[in-house]
C-alpha cells in the first residue's frame, strides 16, 4: 500500500532523512525511504567491525602483513583486539540476520535472477526483471552466504581463542575453516562494494536512508510499484 509523508513547508529539515529515522518503504517527495536508522547502524556496525577484524587479523595470519601491526600498537595489541572485535562483529551480524531474515526469502524472481545468464544480463545493463522486489536475488544470496560465513567465523574463532579446551585436530580444522570463511566473506564484501559503486545512488540509501524514485524504478521495480502505488510497468 502506497504511503507518503508530508512535512510543513516552513521546516528546514530534509523530510527524507527525518522519515528515515524510524520508517521504511515510504514515499517522501521524489525519494523513497529504503533503510531506516536502525538498519543503517547495524549494517555499518557489521562493516566497521569486519574491517577492524581484517586489519588486525592479517598480521596474525601471516608475516607478509606484519607492517599493519604497528598501526594498532603492535602484534600483541592485534592479538588482543582481534577476538574482542570479532565478538562485536558477531553481535552486529546476529542483529542484521534477525532484522533481515524475513525479507530475504528467495522468490521465483530471485531464483531467476541468480541464474548465470540472467545475472550476466543484469551486470551488462541489458535488462532487468519487473518482478524484482526490495532486494534482488544477488543481494539475498549475499545475505545468506555472509550469514553462513559469519557463523563459521564465530564458531572457529571461539576454538582459536581458547585452544586449550579443544583437541589438536579440532584446532587445526578450525584454523582452516576460519581462513576459508574469512576469504568467502572478504570476496562477498568486495563484490558488494563493486556493485554499490557500479550503481550510482545505491550508496545514498545506506547513508541517509533514501533513494530516488528513478533509482527504485530501475533497480527494484516491484518494490517501487508497491511503495508508490504506481502499477505501470
C-alpha atoms as a PDB file:
ATOM      1  CA  UNK A   1       0.000   0.000   0.000  1.00  0.00           C
ATOM      2  CA  UNK A   2       1.428   3.387  -1.001  1.00  0.00           C
ATOM      3  CA  UNK A   3       2.271   5.749   1.822  1.00  0.00           C
ATOM      4  CA  UNK A   4       3.694   9.252   1.643  1.00  0.00           C
ATOM      5  CA  UNK A   5       4.902  11.802   4.148  1.00  0.00           C
ATOM      6  CA  UNK A   6       4.078  15.489   4.229  1.00  0.00           C
ATOM      7  CA  UNK A   7       6.352  17.916   6.030  1.00  0.00           C
ATOM      8  CA  UNK A   8       5.364  21.515   6.898  1.00  0.00           C
ATOM      9  CA  UNK A   9       6.607  23.983   4.301  1.00  0.00           C
ATOM     10  CA  UNK A  10       8.465  26.046   6.934  1.00  0.00           C
ATOM     11  CA  UNK A  11      10.559  23.050   8.031  1.00  0.00           C
ATOM     12  CA  UNK A  12      14.247  23.300   7.014  1.00  0.00           C
ATOM     13  CA  UNK A  13      14.999  19.639   7.724  1.00  0.00           C
ATOM     14  CA  UNK A  14      15.326  17.125   4.903  1.00  0.00           C
ATOM     15  CA  UNK A  15      11.978  15.274   5.055  1.00  0.00           C
ATOM     16  CA  UNK A  16      13.509  12.119   3.633  1.00  0.00           C
ATOM     17  CA  UNK A  17      16.166  11.983   6.308  1.00  0.00           C
ATOM     18  CA  UNK A  18      13.576  12.698   9.001  1.00  0.00           C
ATOM     19  CA  UNK A  19      11.369   9.872   7.769  1.00  0.00           C
ATOM     20  CA  UNK A  20      14.333   7.502   7.536  1.00  0.00           C
ATOM     21  CA  UNK A  21      14.942   7.769  11.265  1.00  0.00           C
ATOM     22  CA  UNK A  22      12.292   5.206  12.080  1.00  0.00           C
ATOM     23  CA  UNK A  23      10.385   4.137   8.956  1.00  0.00           C
ATOM     24  CA  UNK A  24      10.996   2.367   5.657  1.00  0.00           C
ATOM     25  CA  UNK A  25       9.169   1.855   2.344  1.00  0.00           C
ATOM     26  CA  UNK A  26       7.789   5.375   2.472  1.00  0.00           C
ATOM     27  CA  UNK A  27       7.494   7.936  -0.336  1.00  0.00           C
ATOM     28  CA  UNK A  28       8.851  11.399   0.508  1.00  0.00           C
ATOM     29  CA  UNK A  29       8.564  13.774  -2.434  1.00  0.00           C
ATOM     30  CA  UNK A  30      10.749  12.359  -5.203  1.00  0.00           C
ATOM     31  CA  UNK A  31      12.518   9.946  -2.875  1.00  0.00           C
ATOM     32  CA  UNK A  32      11.698   6.624  -1.270  1.00  0.00           C
ATOM     33  CA  UNK A  33      12.860   5.676   2.218  1.00  0.00           C
ATOM     34  CA  UNK A  34      14.770   2.420   1.770  1.00  0.00           C
ATOM     35  CA  UNK A  35      16.562   1.911   5.098  1.00  0.00           C
ATOM     36  CA  UNK A  36      15.653   3.301   8.492  1.00  0.00           C
ATOM     37  CA  UNK A  37      18.238   4.457  11.018  1.00  0.00           C
ATOM     38  CA  UNK A  38      18.454   1.145  12.907  1.00  0.00           C
ATOM     39  CA  UNK A  39      19.064  -0.802   9.696  1.00  0.00           C
ATOM     40  CA  UNK A  40      21.889   1.520   8.696  1.00  0.00           C
ATOM     41  CA  UNK A  41      23.549   1.477  12.115  1.00  0.00           C
ATOM     42  CA  UNK A  42      23.565  -2.326  12.164  1.00  0.00           C
ATOM     43  CA  UNK A  43      24.885  -2.525   8.588  1.00  0.00           C
ATOM     44  CA  UNK A  44      27.719  -0.076   9.295  1.00  0.00           C
ATOM     45  CA  UNK A  45      28.418  -1.873  12.562  1.00  0.00           C
ATOM     46  CA  UNK A  46      28.996  -5.086  10.607  1.00  0.00           C
ATOM     47  CA  UNK A  47      31.188  -3.246   8.095  1.00  0.00           C
ATOM     48  CA  UNK A  48      33.310  -1.382  10.653  1.00  0.00           C
ATOM     49  CA  UNK A  49      33.947  -4.362  12.905  1.00  0.00           C
ATOM     50  CA  UNK A  50      34.738  -6.580   9.914  1.00  0.00           C
ATOM     51  CA  UNK A  51      37.417  -4.223   8.654  1.00  0.00           C
ATOM     52  CA  UNK A  52      38.953  -3.895  12.127  1.00  0.00           C
ATOM     53  CA  UNK A  53      38.999  -7.702  12.297  1.00  0.00           C
ATOM     54  CA  UNK A  54      40.519  -7.778   8.817  1.00  0.00           C
ATOM     55  CA  UNK A  55      43.375  -5.387   9.544  1.00  0.00           C
ATOM     56  CA  UNK A  56      44.146  -6.852  12.965  1.00  0.00           C
ATOM     57  CA  UNK A  57      43.826 -10.420  11.717  1.00  0.00           C
ATOM     58  CA  UNK A  58      46.101 -10.200   8.682  1.00  0.00           C
ATOM     59  CA  UNK A  59      49.296  -9.560  10.732  1.00  0.00           C
ATOM     60  CA  UNK A  60      48.382 -12.566  12.905  1.00  0.00           C
ATOM     61  CA  UNK A  61      47.679 -14.684   9.837  1.00  0.00           C
ATOM     62  CA  UNK A  62      50.993 -14.159   8.039  1.00  0.00           C
ATOM     63  CA  UNK A  63      54.210 -12.089   8.458  1.00  0.00           C
ATOM     64  CA  UNK A  64      53.589 -10.676   4.974  1.00  0.00           C
ATOM     65  CA  UNK A  65      51.131  -8.264   6.581  1.00  0.00           C
ATOM     66  CA  UNK A  66      53.273  -7.633   9.643  1.00  0.00           C
ATOM     67  CA  UNK A  67      53.650  -3.995   8.623  1.00  0.00           C
ATOM     68  CA  UNK A  68      49.997  -3.462   9.602  1.00  0.00           C
ATOM     69  CA  UNK A  69      50.563  -4.399  13.254  1.00  0.00           C
ATOM     70  CA  UNK A  70      52.198  -1.066  14.284  1.00  0.00           C
ATOM     71  CA  UNK A  71      49.078   0.734  13.063  1.00  0.00           C
ATOM     72  CA  UNK A  72      47.276  -0.776  16.058  1.00  0.00           C
ATOM     73  CA  UNK A  73      50.139  -0.581  18.534  1.00  0.00           C
ATOM     74  CA  UNK A  74      51.903  -3.831  17.719  1.00  0.00           C
ATOM     75  CA  UNK A  75      51.185  -7.503  17.177  1.00  0.00           C
ATOM     76  CA  UNK A  76      50.324  -8.058  20.840  1.00  0.00           C
ATOM     77  CA  UNK A  77      47.562  -5.449  20.555  1.00  0.00           C
ATOM     78  CA  UNK A  78      46.276  -7.113  17.375  1.00  0.00           C
ATOM     79  CA  UNK A  79      46.094 -10.449  19.186  1.00  0.00           C
ATOM     80  CA  UNK A  80      44.039  -8.838  21.956  1.00  0.00           C
ATOM     81  CA  UNK A  81      41.868  -6.589  19.773  1.00  0.00           C
ATOM     82  CA  UNK A  82      41.043  -9.103  17.043  1.00  0.00           C
ATOM     83  CA  UNK A  83      38.914 -11.547  19.091  1.00  0.00           C
ATOM     84  CA  UNK A  84      37.102  -8.826  21.007  1.00  0.00           C
ATOM     85  CA  UNK A  85      36.244  -7.023  17.784  1.00  0.00           C
ATOM     86  CA  UNK A  86      35.147 -10.415  16.487  1.00  0.00           C
ATOM     87  CA  UNK A  87      32.629 -10.578  19.320  1.00  0.00           C
ATOM     88  CA  UNK A  88      31.271  -7.158  18.332  1.00  0.00           C
ATOM     89  CA  UNK A  89      31.145  -8.267  14.686  1.00  0.00           C
ATOM     90  CA  UNK A  90      29.170 -11.368  15.659  1.00  0.00           C
ATOM     91  CA  UNK A  91      26.671  -9.281  17.636  1.00  0.00           C
ATOM     92  CA  UNK A  92      26.068  -6.918  14.720  1.00  0.00           C
ATOM     93  CA  UNK A  93      25.871  -9.854  12.289  1.00  0.00           C
ATOM     94  CA  UNK A  94      23.260 -11.520  14.502  1.00  0.00           C
ATOM     95  CA  UNK A  95      21.214  -8.315  14.728  1.00  0.00           C
ATOM     96  CA  UNK A  96      21.385  -7.969  10.959  1.00  0.00           C
ATOM     97  CA  UNK A  97      20.312 -11.578  10.458  1.00  0.00           C
ATOM     98  CA  UNK A  98      17.315 -11.228  12.772  1.00  0.00           C
ATOM     99  CA  UNK A  99      16.349  -7.926  11.146  1.00  0.00           C
ATOM    100  CA  UNK A 100      16.528  -9.076   7.525  1.00  0.00           C
ATOM    101  CA  UNK A 101      15.929 -12.837   7.528  1.00  0.00           C
ATOM    102  CA  UNK A 102      12.212 -12.489   6.839  1.00  0.00           C
ATOM    103  CA  UNK A 103      12.739 -10.164   3.866  1.00  0.00           C
ATOM    104  CA  UNK A 104      15.472 -12.330   2.392  1.00  0.00           C
ATOM    105  CA  UNK A 105      13.332 -15.332   1.484  1.00  0.00           C
ATOM    106  CA  UNK A 106      14.002 -16.285  -2.131  1.00  0.00           C
ATOM    107  CA  UNK A 107      11.089 -15.767  -4.539  1.00  0.00           C
ATOM    108  CA  UNK A 108      10.736 -17.174  -8.048  1.00  0.00           C
ATOM    109  CA  UNK A 109      12.001 -13.847  -9.421  1.00  0.00           C
ATOM    110  CA  UNK A 110      15.049 -14.113  -7.161  1.00  0.00           C
ATOM    111  CA  UNK A 111      15.756 -17.638  -8.346  1.00  0.00           C
ATOM    112  CA  UNK A 112      15.573 -16.451 -11.951  1.00  0.00           C
ATOM    113  CA  UNK A 113      17.941 -13.592 -11.127  1.00  0.00           C
ATOM    114  CA  UNK A 114      20.613 -15.908  -9.745  1.00  0.00           C
ATOM    115  CA  UNK A 115      20.798 -17.975 -12.929  1.00  0.00           C
ATOM    116  CA  UNK A 116      24.120 -17.163 -14.591  1.00  0.00           C
ATOM    117  CA  UNK A 117      22.599 -15.974 -17.879  1.00  0.00           C
ATOM    118  CA  UNK A 118      20.174 -13.588 -16.175  1.00  0.00           C
ATOM    119  CA  UNK A 119      22.791 -12.342 -13.724  1.00  0.00           C
ATOM    120  CA  UNK A 120      25.230 -11.558 -16.549  1.00  0.00           C
ATOM    121  CA  UNK A 121      22.458  -9.762 -18.435  1.00  0.00           C
ATOM    122  CA  UNK A 122      21.868  -7.616 -15.355  1.00  0.00           C
ATOM    123  CA  UNK A 123      25.602  -6.962 -14.917  1.00  0.00           C
ATOM    124  CA  UNK A 124      25.841  -5.792 -18.538  1.00  0.00           C
ATOM    125  CA  UNK A 125      22.867  -3.432 -18.025  1.00  0.00           C
ATOM    126  CA  UNK A 126      20.967  -5.166 -20.815  1.00  0.00           C
ATOM    127  CA  UNK A 127      17.740  -5.741 -18.937  1.00  0.00           C
ATOM    128  CA  UNK A 128      16.034  -6.360 -15.620  1.00  0.00           C
ATOM    129  CA  UNK A 129      13.171  -8.388 -14.195  1.00  0.00           C
ATOM    130  CA  UNK A 130       9.999  -6.399 -13.495  1.00  0.00           C
ATOM    131  CA  UNK A 131       9.285  -8.673 -10.520  1.00  0.00           C
ATOM    132  CA  UNK A 132      12.423  -7.774  -8.534  1.00  0.00           C
ATOM    133  CA  UNK A 133      11.351  -6.558  -5.108  1.00  0.00           C
ATOM    134  CA  UNK A 134      13.183  -4.574  -2.456  1.00  0.00           C
ATOM    135  CA  UNK A 135      16.133  -6.977  -2.641  1.00  0.00           C
ATOM    136  CA  UNK A 136      17.159  -8.901  -5.735  1.00  0.00           C
ATOM    137  CA  UNK A 137      18.371 -12.488  -5.863  1.00  0.00           C
ATOM    138  CA  UNK A 138      22.005 -11.439  -5.771  1.00  0.00           C
ATOM    139  CA  UNK A 139      21.524  -9.355  -2.636  1.00  0.00           C
ATOM    140  CA  UNK A 140      19.623 -12.161  -0.959  1.00  0.00           C
ATOM    141  CA  UNK A 141      22.318 -14.667  -1.884  1.00  0.00           C
ATOM    142  CA  UNK A 142      24.896 -12.273  -0.451  1.00  0.00           C
ATOM    143  CA  UNK A 143      22.904 -12.091   2.777  1.00  0.00           C
ATOM    144  CA  UNK A 144      22.651 -15.861   3.240  1.00  0.00           C
ATOM    145  CA  UNK A 145      26.256 -16.563   2.278  1.00  0.00           C
ATOM    146  CA  UNK A 146      27.612 -13.784   4.503  1.00  0.00           C
ATOM    147  CA  UNK A 147      25.443 -15.004   7.384  1.00  0.00           C
ATOM    148  CA  UNK A 148      26.841 -18.507   6.939  1.00  0.00           C
ATOM    149  CA  UNK A 149      30.400 -17.159   6.793  1.00  0.00           C
ATOM    150  CA  UNK A 150      29.770 -15.048   9.917  1.00  0.00           C
ATOM    151  CA  UNK A 151      28.580 -18.105  11.822  1.00  0.00           C
ATOM    152  CA  UNK A 152      31.660 -20.053  10.709  1.00  0.00           C
ATOM    153  CA  UNK A 153      33.951 -17.198  11.745  1.00  0.00           C
ATOM    154  CA  UNK A 154      32.351 -17.088  15.191  1.00  0.00           C
ATOM    155  CA  UNK A 155      32.416 -20.850  15.770  1.00  0.00           C
ATOM    156  CA  UNK A 156      36.011 -21.313  14.637  1.00  0.00           C
ATOM    157  CA  UNK A 157      37.079 -18.096  16.322  1.00  0.00           C
ATOM    158  CA  UNK A 158      35.945 -19.437  19.691  1.00  0.00           C
ATOM    159  CA  UNK A 159      38.146 -22.506  19.178  1.00  0.00           C
ATOM    160  CA  UNK A 160      41.155 -20.387  18.236  1.00  0.00           C
ATOM    161  CA  UNK A 161      40.596 -18.033  21.180  1.00  0.00           C
ATOM    162  CA  UNK A 162      40.517 -20.863  23.721  1.00  0.00           C
ATOM    163  CA  UNK A 163      42.587 -23.596  22.024  1.00  0.00           C
ATOM    164  CA  UNK A 164      43.371 -25.455  25.263  1.00  0.00           C
ATOM    165  CA  UNK A 165      39.764 -26.591  25.522  1.00  0.00           C
ATOM    166  CA  UNK A 166      39.883 -28.430  22.189  1.00  0.00           C
ATOM    167  CA  UNK A 167      41.839 -31.302  20.677  1.00  0.00           C
ATOM    168  CA  UNK A 168      44.695 -30.782  18.233  1.00  0.00           C
ATOM    169  CA  UNK A 169      42.842 -31.979  15.106  1.00  0.00           C
ATOM    170  CA  UNK A 170      39.855 -29.813  16.024  1.00  0.00           C
ATOM    171  CA  UNK A 171      42.113 -26.775  16.379  1.00  0.00           C
ATOM    172  CA  UNK A 172      43.791 -27.470  13.041  1.00  0.00           C
ATOM    173  CA  UNK A 173      40.438 -27.841  11.305  1.00  0.00           C
ATOM    174  CA  UNK A 174      39.268 -24.589  12.891  1.00  0.00           C
ATOM    175  CA  UNK A 175      42.313 -22.735  11.541  1.00  0.00           C
ATOM    176  CA  UNK A 176      41.497 -23.900   8.019  1.00  0.00           C
ATOM    177  CA  UNK A 177      37.764 -23.206   8.281  1.00  0.00           C
ATOM    178  CA  UNK A 178      38.404 -19.780   9.823  1.00  0.00           C
ATOM    179  CA  UNK A 179      40.590 -18.885   6.844  1.00  0.00           C
ATOM    180  CA  UNK A 180      38.062 -20.224   4.337  1.00  0.00           C
ATOM    181  CA  UNK A 181      35.192 -18.330   5.997  1.00  0.00           C
ATOM    182  CA  UNK A 182      37.272 -15.142   6.045  1.00  0.00           C
ATOM    183  CA  UNK A 183      38.147 -15.451   2.349  1.00  0.00           C
ATOM    184  CA  UNK A 184      34.489 -16.078   1.467  1.00  0.00           C
ATOM    185  CA  UNK A 185      33.294 -13.094   3.485  1.00  0.00           C
ATOM    186  CA  UNK A 186      36.040 -10.870   2.060  1.00  0.00           C
ATOM    187  CA  UNK A 187      35.128 -11.791  -1.525  1.00  0.00           C
ATOM    188  CA  UNK A 188      31.466 -11.090  -0.777  1.00  0.00           C
ATOM    189  CA  UNK A 189      32.410  -7.685   0.627  1.00  0.00           C
ATOM    190  CA  UNK A 190      34.457  -6.870  -2.483  1.00  0.00           C
ATOM    191  CA  UNK A 191      31.525  -7.815  -4.710  1.00  0.00           C
ATOM    192  CA  UNK A 192      29.171  -5.761  -2.553  1.00  0.00           C
ATOM    193  CA  UNK A 193      31.419  -2.695  -2.778  1.00  0.00           C
ATOM    194  CA  UNK A 194      31.853  -3.091  -6.537  1.00  0.00           C
ATOM    195  CA  UNK A 195      28.119  -3.292  -7.220  1.00  0.00           C
ATOM    196  CA  UNK A 196      27.445  -0.347  -4.905  1.00  0.00           C
ATOM    197  CA  UNK A 197      29.891   1.778  -6.883  1.00  0.00           C
ATOM    198  CA  UNK A 198      28.577   0.464 -10.209  1.00  0.00           C
ATOM    199  CA  UNK A 199      25.014   1.542  -9.394  1.00  0.00           C
ATOM    200  CA  UNK A 200      25.022   5.313  -8.681  1.00  0.00           C
ATOM    201  CA  UNK A 201      22.520   6.218  -5.982  1.00  0.00           C
ATOM    202  CA  UNK A 202      22.858   2.934  -4.110  1.00  0.00           C
ATOM    203  CA  UNK A 203      25.300   4.254  -1.516  1.00  0.00           C
ATOM    204  CA  UNK A 204      22.937   7.070  -0.535  1.00  0.00           C
ATOM    205  CA  UNK A 205      20.383   4.507   0.562  1.00  0.00           C
ATOM    206  CA  UNK A 206      22.699   3.214   3.266  1.00  0.00           C
ATOM    207  CA  UNK A 207      23.974   6.668   4.274  1.00  0.00           C
ATOM    208  CA  UNK A 208      20.923   8.894   4.508  1.00  0.00           C
ATOM    209  CA  UNK A 209      18.347   6.140   4.097  1.00  0.00           C
ATOM    210  CA  UNK A 210      16.652   7.294   0.901  1.00  0.00           C
ATOM    211  CA  UNK A 211      16.911   6.616  -2.833  1.00  0.00           C
ATOM    212  CA  UNK A 212      15.322   8.421  -5.751  1.00  0.00           C
ATOM    213  CA  UNK A 213      12.138   7.143  -7.326  1.00  0.00           C
ATOM    214  CA  UNK A 214      14.042   6.732 -10.587  1.00  0.00           C
ATOM    215  CA  UNK A 215      16.624   4.509  -8.885  1.00  0.00           C
ATOM    216  CA  UNK A 216      13.918   2.396  -7.251  1.00  0.00           C
ATOM    217  CA  UNK A 217      12.013   2.050 -10.528  1.00  0.00           C
ATOM    218  CA  UNK A 218      15.139   0.969 -12.423  1.00  0.00           C
ATOM    219  CA  UNK A 219      16.673  -1.487  -9.963  1.00  0.00           C
ATOM    220  CA  UNK A 220      13.726  -2.741  -7.892  1.00  0.00           C
ATOM    221  CA  UNK A 221      10.568  -2.231  -9.985  1.00  0.00           C
ATOM    222  CA  UNK A 222       8.231  -4.466  -7.964  1.00  0.00           C
ATOM    223  CA  UNK A 223       9.233  -2.688  -4.744  1.00  0.00           C
ATOM    224  CA  UNK A 224       8.771   0.668  -6.483  1.00  0.00           C
ATOM    225  CA  UNK A 225       5.232  -0.249  -7.511  1.00  0.00           C
ATOM    226  CA  UNK A 226       4.446  -1.465  -4.013  1.00  0.00           C
ATOM    227  CA  UNK A 227       5.583   1.658  -2.160  1.00  0.00           C
ATOM    228  CA  UNK A 228       4.385   4.246  -4.689  1.00  0.00           C
ATOM    229  CA  UNK A 229       1.149   2.620  -5.798  1.00  0.00           C
ATOM    230  CA  UNK A 230       2.219   3.164  -9.413  1.00  0.00           C
ATOM    231  CA  UNK A 231       1.259  -0.062 -11.214  1.00  0.00           C
ATOM    232  CA  UNK A 232       2.710   0.933 -14.578  1.00  0.00           C
ATOM    233  CA  UNK A 233       5.417  -1.370 -15.938  1.00  0.00           C
END
